Amino acid sequence: MAITKRTEQDKIEVVGEFKNIQVRTATVIEEDGVELSRSFHRHTVAPDADSSGESADVKAMVAQFHTDTVKAAHKKHMEDSAKSME
């Protein structure tokens, strides 16, 4: 009777105008190879986020989608949003 716990990034997707990368990580508990439970954690990587701690797959998507143009547009949007809140 071996109980194991593993995590896997089972969904990585790019969404929205500023190419936010959404990552879903599944935590799977198994007993003798039979899944007992599965839970999920989600997080988003924005164009201005530090992605150094992300997986290789997420880093590859950051390199592809978070271009200088996207980063500049996101920065301007955030600055304009902050000004409108004043």
N, C-alpha and C. Protein backbone atom coordinates (compact mmCIF):
# COMPACT_ATOMS: atom_id res chain seq x y z
N MET A 1 0.85 -1.17 0.00
CA MET A 1 0.00 0.00 0.00
C MET A 1 0.89 1.24 0.00
N ALA A 2 1.18 1.74 -1.20
CA ALA A 2 2.04 2.92 -1.33
C ALA A 2 1.19 4.13 -1.71
N ILE A 3 1.28 5.15 -0.88
CA ILE A 3 0.58 6.40 -1.18
C ILE A 3 1.62 7.39 -1.70
N THR A 4 1.31 8.00 -2.84
CA THR A 4 2.23 8.95 -3.45
C THR A 4 1.51 10.27 -3.71
N LYS A 5 2.30 11.32 -3.73
CA LYS A 5 1.79 12.65 -4.05
C LYS A 5 2.70 13.22 -5.13
N ARG A 6 2.08 13.75 -6.16
CA ARG A 6 2.86 14.37 -7.24
C ARG A 6 2.17 15.63 -7.71
N THR A 7 2.94 16.52 -8.30
CA THR A 7 2.37 17.72 -8.89
C THR A 7 2.75 17.77 -10.36
N GLU A 8 1.87 18.35 -11.14
CA GLU A 8 2.13 18.50 -12.58
C GLU A 8 1.43 19.76 -13.07
N GLN A 9 2.10 20.48 -13.93
CA GLN A 9 1.46 21.62 -14.58
C GLN A 9 0.66 21.03 -15.73
N ASP A 10 -0.65 20.95 -15.55
CA ASP A 10 -1.46 20.26 -16.55
C ASP A 10 -2.14 21.21 -17.53
N LYS A 11 -2.03 22.50 -17.28
CA LYS A 11 -2.61 23.45 -18.24
C LYS A 11 -1.81 24.75 -18.18
N ILE A 12 -1.35 25.19 -19.35
CA ILE A 12 -0.67 26.48 -19.49
C ILE A 12 -1.28 27.14 -20.70
N GLU A 13 -1.84 28.33 -20.49
CA GLU A 13 -2.52 28.99 -21.61
C GLU A 13 -2.25 30.49 -21.60
N VAL A 14 -2.33 31.08 -22.77
CA VAL A 14 -2.12 32.51 -22.95
C VAL A 14 -3.48 33.15 -23.18
N VAL A 15 -3.78 34.20 -22.40
CA VAL A 15 -5.08 34.85 -22.50
C VAL A 15 -4.94 36.37 -22.49
N GLY A 16 -5.88 37.01 -23.14
CA GLY A 16 -6.03 38.46 -23.06
C GLY A 16 -5.11 39.26 -23.95
N GLU A 17 -5.42 40.53 -23.95
CA GLU A 17 -4.71 41.51 -24.78
C GLU A 17 -3.22 41.57 -24.47
N PHE A 18 -2.87 41.38 -23.19
CA PHE A 18 -1.47 41.53 -22.77
C PHE A 18 -0.77 40.19 -22.59
N LYS A 19 -1.35 39.14 -23.15
CA LYS A 19 -0.74 37.81 -23.21
C LYS A 19 -0.36 37.28 -21.82
N ASN A 20 -1.27 37.45 -20.86
CA ASN A 20 -1.04 36.86 -19.54
C ASN A 20 -0.98 35.35 -19.69
N ILE A 21 -0.07 34.73 -18.97
CA ILE A 21 0.09 33.28 -19.03
C ILE A 21 -0.51 32.69 -17.76
N GLN A 22 -1.54 31.88 -17.93
CA GLN A 22 -2.20 31.25 -16.80
C GLN A 22 -1.68 29.82 -16.66
N VAL A 23 -1.31 29.47 -15.44
CA VAL A 23 -0.73 28.16 -15.17
C VAL A 23 -1.60 27.44 -14.15
N ARG A 24 -2.00 26.22 -14.47
CA ARG A 24 -2.73 25.39 -13.52
C ARG A 24 -1.85 24.22 -13.12
N THR A 25 -1.65 24.06 -11.82
CA THR A 25 -0.86 22.97 -11.28
C THR A 25 -1.79 22.02 -10.53
N ALA A 26 -1.73 20.76 -10.88
CA ALA A 26 -2.53 19.73 -10.22
C ALA A 26 -1.68 19.01 -9.19
N THR A 27 -2.26 18.79 -8.02
CA THR A 27 -1.65 17.94 -7.00
C THR A 27 -2.47 16.66 -6.96
N VAL A 28 -1.80 15.54 -7.22
CA VAL A 28 -2.49 14.25 -7.33
C VAL A 28 -2.02 13.34 -6.20
N ILE A 29 -2.97 12.78 -5.48
CA ILE A 29 -2.69 11.79 -4.44
C ILE A 29 -3.14 10.43 -4.99
N GLU A 30 -2.22 9.45 -4.95
CA GLU A 30 -2.52 8.12 -5.48
C GLU A 30 -2.17 7.05 -4.44
N GLU A 31 -2.90 5.97 -4.51
CA GLU A 31 -2.59 4.79 -3.70
C GLU A 31 -2.47 3.61 -4.64
N ASP A 32 -1.28 3.04 -4.68
CA ASP A 32 -1.00 1.90 -5.57
C ASP A 32 -1.39 2.21 -7.02
N GLY A 33 -1.10 3.42 -7.44
CA GLY A 33 -1.37 3.81 -8.82
C GLY A 33 -2.80 4.23 -9.11
N VAL A 34 -3.66 4.19 -8.10
CA VAL A 34 -5.06 4.59 -8.28
C VAL A 34 -5.24 5.98 -7.69
N GLU A 35 -5.74 6.91 -8.50
CA GLU A 35 -5.92 8.28 -8.05
C GLU A 35 -7.02 8.37 -6.99
N LEU A 36 -6.65 8.96 -5.85
CA LEU A 36 -7.61 9.16 -4.76
C LEU A 36 -8.17 10.57 -4.76
N SER A 37 -7.31 11.53 -5.08
CA SER A 37 -7.77 12.92 -5.11
C SER A 37 -6.89 13.74 -6.03
N ARG A 38 -7.47 14.85 -6.47
CA ARG A 38 -6.76 15.79 -7.34
C ARG A 38 -7.25 17.18 -6.96
N SER A 39 -6.32 18.08 -6.70
CA SER A 39 -6.69 19.46 -6.41
C SER A 39 -5.85 20.38 -7.30
N PHE A 40 -6.30 21.61 -7.44
CA PHE A 40 -5.67 22.52 -8.39
C PHE A 40 -5.26 23.83 -7.72
N HIS A 41 -4.17 24.39 -8.21
CA HIS A 41 -3.72 25.73 -7.84
C HIS A 41 -3.46 26.45 -9.16
N ARG A 42 -3.88 27.69 -9.21
CA ARG A 42 -3.67 28.48 -10.43
C ARG A 42 -2.90 29.75 -10.10
N HIS A 43 -2.08 30.18 -11.04
CA HIS A 43 -1.44 31.48 -10.93
C HIS A 43 -1.23 32.05 -12.33
N THR A 44 -1.05 33.35 -12.36
CA THR A 44 -0.89 34.06 -13.63
C THR A 44 0.47 34.73 -13.68
N VAL A 45 1.10 34.69 -14.84
CA VAL A 45 2.36 35.37 -15.07
C VAL A 45 2.08 36.53 -16.03
N ALA A 46 2.13 37.74 -15.50
CA ALA A 46 1.88 38.95 -16.30
C ALA A 46 3.17 39.36 -17.01
N PRO A 47 3.05 40.23 -18.02
CA PRO A 47 4.24 40.66 -18.76
C PRO A 47 5.31 41.35 -17.89
N ASP A 48 4.90 41.95 -16.76
CA ASP A 48 5.86 42.63 -15.91
C ASP A 48 6.34 41.76 -14.73
N ALA A 49 5.97 40.49 -14.71
CA ALA A 49 6.31 39.59 -13.60
C ALA A 49 7.71 39.00 -13.76
N ASP A 50 8.30 38.65 -12.63
CA ASP A 50 9.58 37.93 -12.62
C ASP A 50 9.27 36.46 -12.87
N SER A 51 9.74 35.93 -13.97
CA SER A 51 9.43 34.54 -14.32
C SER A 51 10.61 33.60 -14.05
N SER A 52 11.61 34.07 -13.33
CA SER A 52 12.82 33.26 -13.12
C SER A 52 12.55 31.97 -12.35
N GLY A 53 11.51 31.94 -11.53
CA GLY A 53 11.20 30.75 -10.76
C GLY A 53 10.20 29.81 -11.42
N GLU A 54 9.82 30.11 -12.64
CA GLU A 54 8.84 29.30 -13.35
C GLU A 54 9.49 28.08 -14.00
N SER A 55 8.66 27.14 -14.42
CA SER A 55 9.15 25.94 -15.10
C SER A 55 9.70 26.30 -16.49
N ALA A 56 10.43 25.38 -17.06
CA ALA A 56 11.00 25.60 -18.40
C ALA A 56 9.90 25.86 -19.43
N ASP A 57 8.78 25.15 -19.31
CA ASP A 57 7.67 25.35 -20.25
C ASP A 57 7.11 26.77 -20.15
N VAL A 58 6.92 27.25 -18.93
CA VAL A 58 6.38 28.60 -18.75
C VAL A 58 7.40 29.63 -19.23
N LYS A 59 8.67 29.43 -18.92
CA LYS A 59 9.71 30.36 -19.37
C LYS A 59 9.73 30.44 -20.90
N ALA A 60 9.53 29.32 -21.56
CA ALA A 60 9.51 29.31 -23.04
C ALA A 60 8.34 30.14 -23.56
N MET A 61 7.20 30.03 -22.89
CA MET A 61 6.03 30.82 -23.31
C MET A 61 6.24 32.30 -23.02
N VAL A 62 6.87 32.61 -21.90
CA VAL A 62 7.19 34.01 -21.58
C VAL A 62 8.08 34.59 -22.68
N ALA A 63 9.11 33.85 -23.06
CA ALA A 63 10.02 34.32 -24.11
C ALA A 63 9.29 34.55 -25.43
N GLN A 64 8.31 33.70 -25.72
CA GLN A 64 7.59 33.81 -26.99
C GLN A 64 6.56 34.94 -26.98
N PHE A 65 5.80 35.08 -25.89
CA PHE A 65 4.66 35.98 -25.89
C PHE A 65 4.89 37.32 -25.21
N HIS A 66 5.79 37.40 -24.25
CA HIS A 66 6.03 38.66 -23.55
C HIS A 66 7.14 39.44 -24.26
N THR A 67 6.81 39.88 -25.46
CA THR A 67 7.74 40.66 -26.28
C THR A 67 7.87 42.07 -25.71
N ASP A 68 8.85 42.80 -26.21
CA ASP A 68 9.02 44.19 -25.77
C ASP A 68 7.78 45.02 -26.08
N THR A 69 7.13 44.76 -27.19
CA THR A 69 5.91 45.48 -27.57
C THR A 69 4.79 45.21 -26.57
N VAL A 70 4.60 43.94 -26.22
CA VAL A 70 3.56 43.57 -25.25
C VAL A 70 3.88 44.17 -23.88
N LYS A 71 5.14 44.11 -23.46
CA LYS A 71 5.53 44.67 -22.17
C LYS A 71 5.27 46.18 -22.12
N ALA A 72 5.60 46.88 -23.20
CA ALA A 72 5.38 48.34 -23.24
C ALA A 72 3.90 48.67 -23.20
N ALA A 73 3.08 47.93 -23.93
CA ALA A 73 1.63 48.17 -23.94
C ALA A 73 1.04 47.88 -22.56
N HIS A 74 1.49 46.83 -21.91
CA HIS A 74 1.01 46.49 -20.56
C HIS A 74 1.41 47.58 -19.57
N LYS A 75 2.64 48.03 -19.65
CA LYS A 75 3.12 49.09 -18.75
C LYS A 75 2.29 50.35 -18.92
N LYS A 76 2.03 50.74 -20.15
CA LYS A 76 1.23 51.94 -20.41
C LYS A 76 -0.19 51.76 -19.86
N HIS A 77 -0.76 50.60 -20.07
CA HIS A 77 -2.10 50.32 -19.56
C HIS A 77 -2.14 50.43 -18.03
N MET A 78 -1.14 49.87 -17.36
CA MET A 78 -1.09 49.93 -15.90
C MET A 78 -0.91 51.36 -15.41
N GLU A 79 -0.08 52.14 -16.10
CA GLU A 79 0.12 53.55 -15.71
C GLU A 79 -1.17 54.34 -15.92
N ASP A 80 -1.83 54.12 -17.06
CA ASP A 80 -3.09 54.83 -17.33
C ASP A 80 -4.17 54.44 -16.32
N SER A 81 -4.20 53.19 -15.92
CA SER A 81 -5.18 52.72 -14.92
C SER A 81 -4.91 53.38 -13.57
N ALA A 82 -3.64 53.49 -13.21
CA ALA A 82 -3.27 54.10 -11.93
C ALA A 82 -3.65 55.58 -11.92
N LYS A 83 -3.47 56.27 -13.04
CA LYS A 83 -3.83 57.70 -13.13
C LYS A 83 -5.33 57.89 -13.01
N SER A 84 -6.08 56.99 -13.58
CA SER A 84 -7.55 57.14 -13.53
C SER A 84 -8.08 56.88 -12.12
N MET A 85 -7.30 56.23 -11.26
CA MET A 85 -7.73 55.96 -9.90
C MET A 85 -7.46 57.15 -8.97
N GLU A 86 -6.64 58.10 -9.43
CA GLU A 86 -6.27 59.25 -8.59
C GLU A 86 -7.41 60.23 -8.45
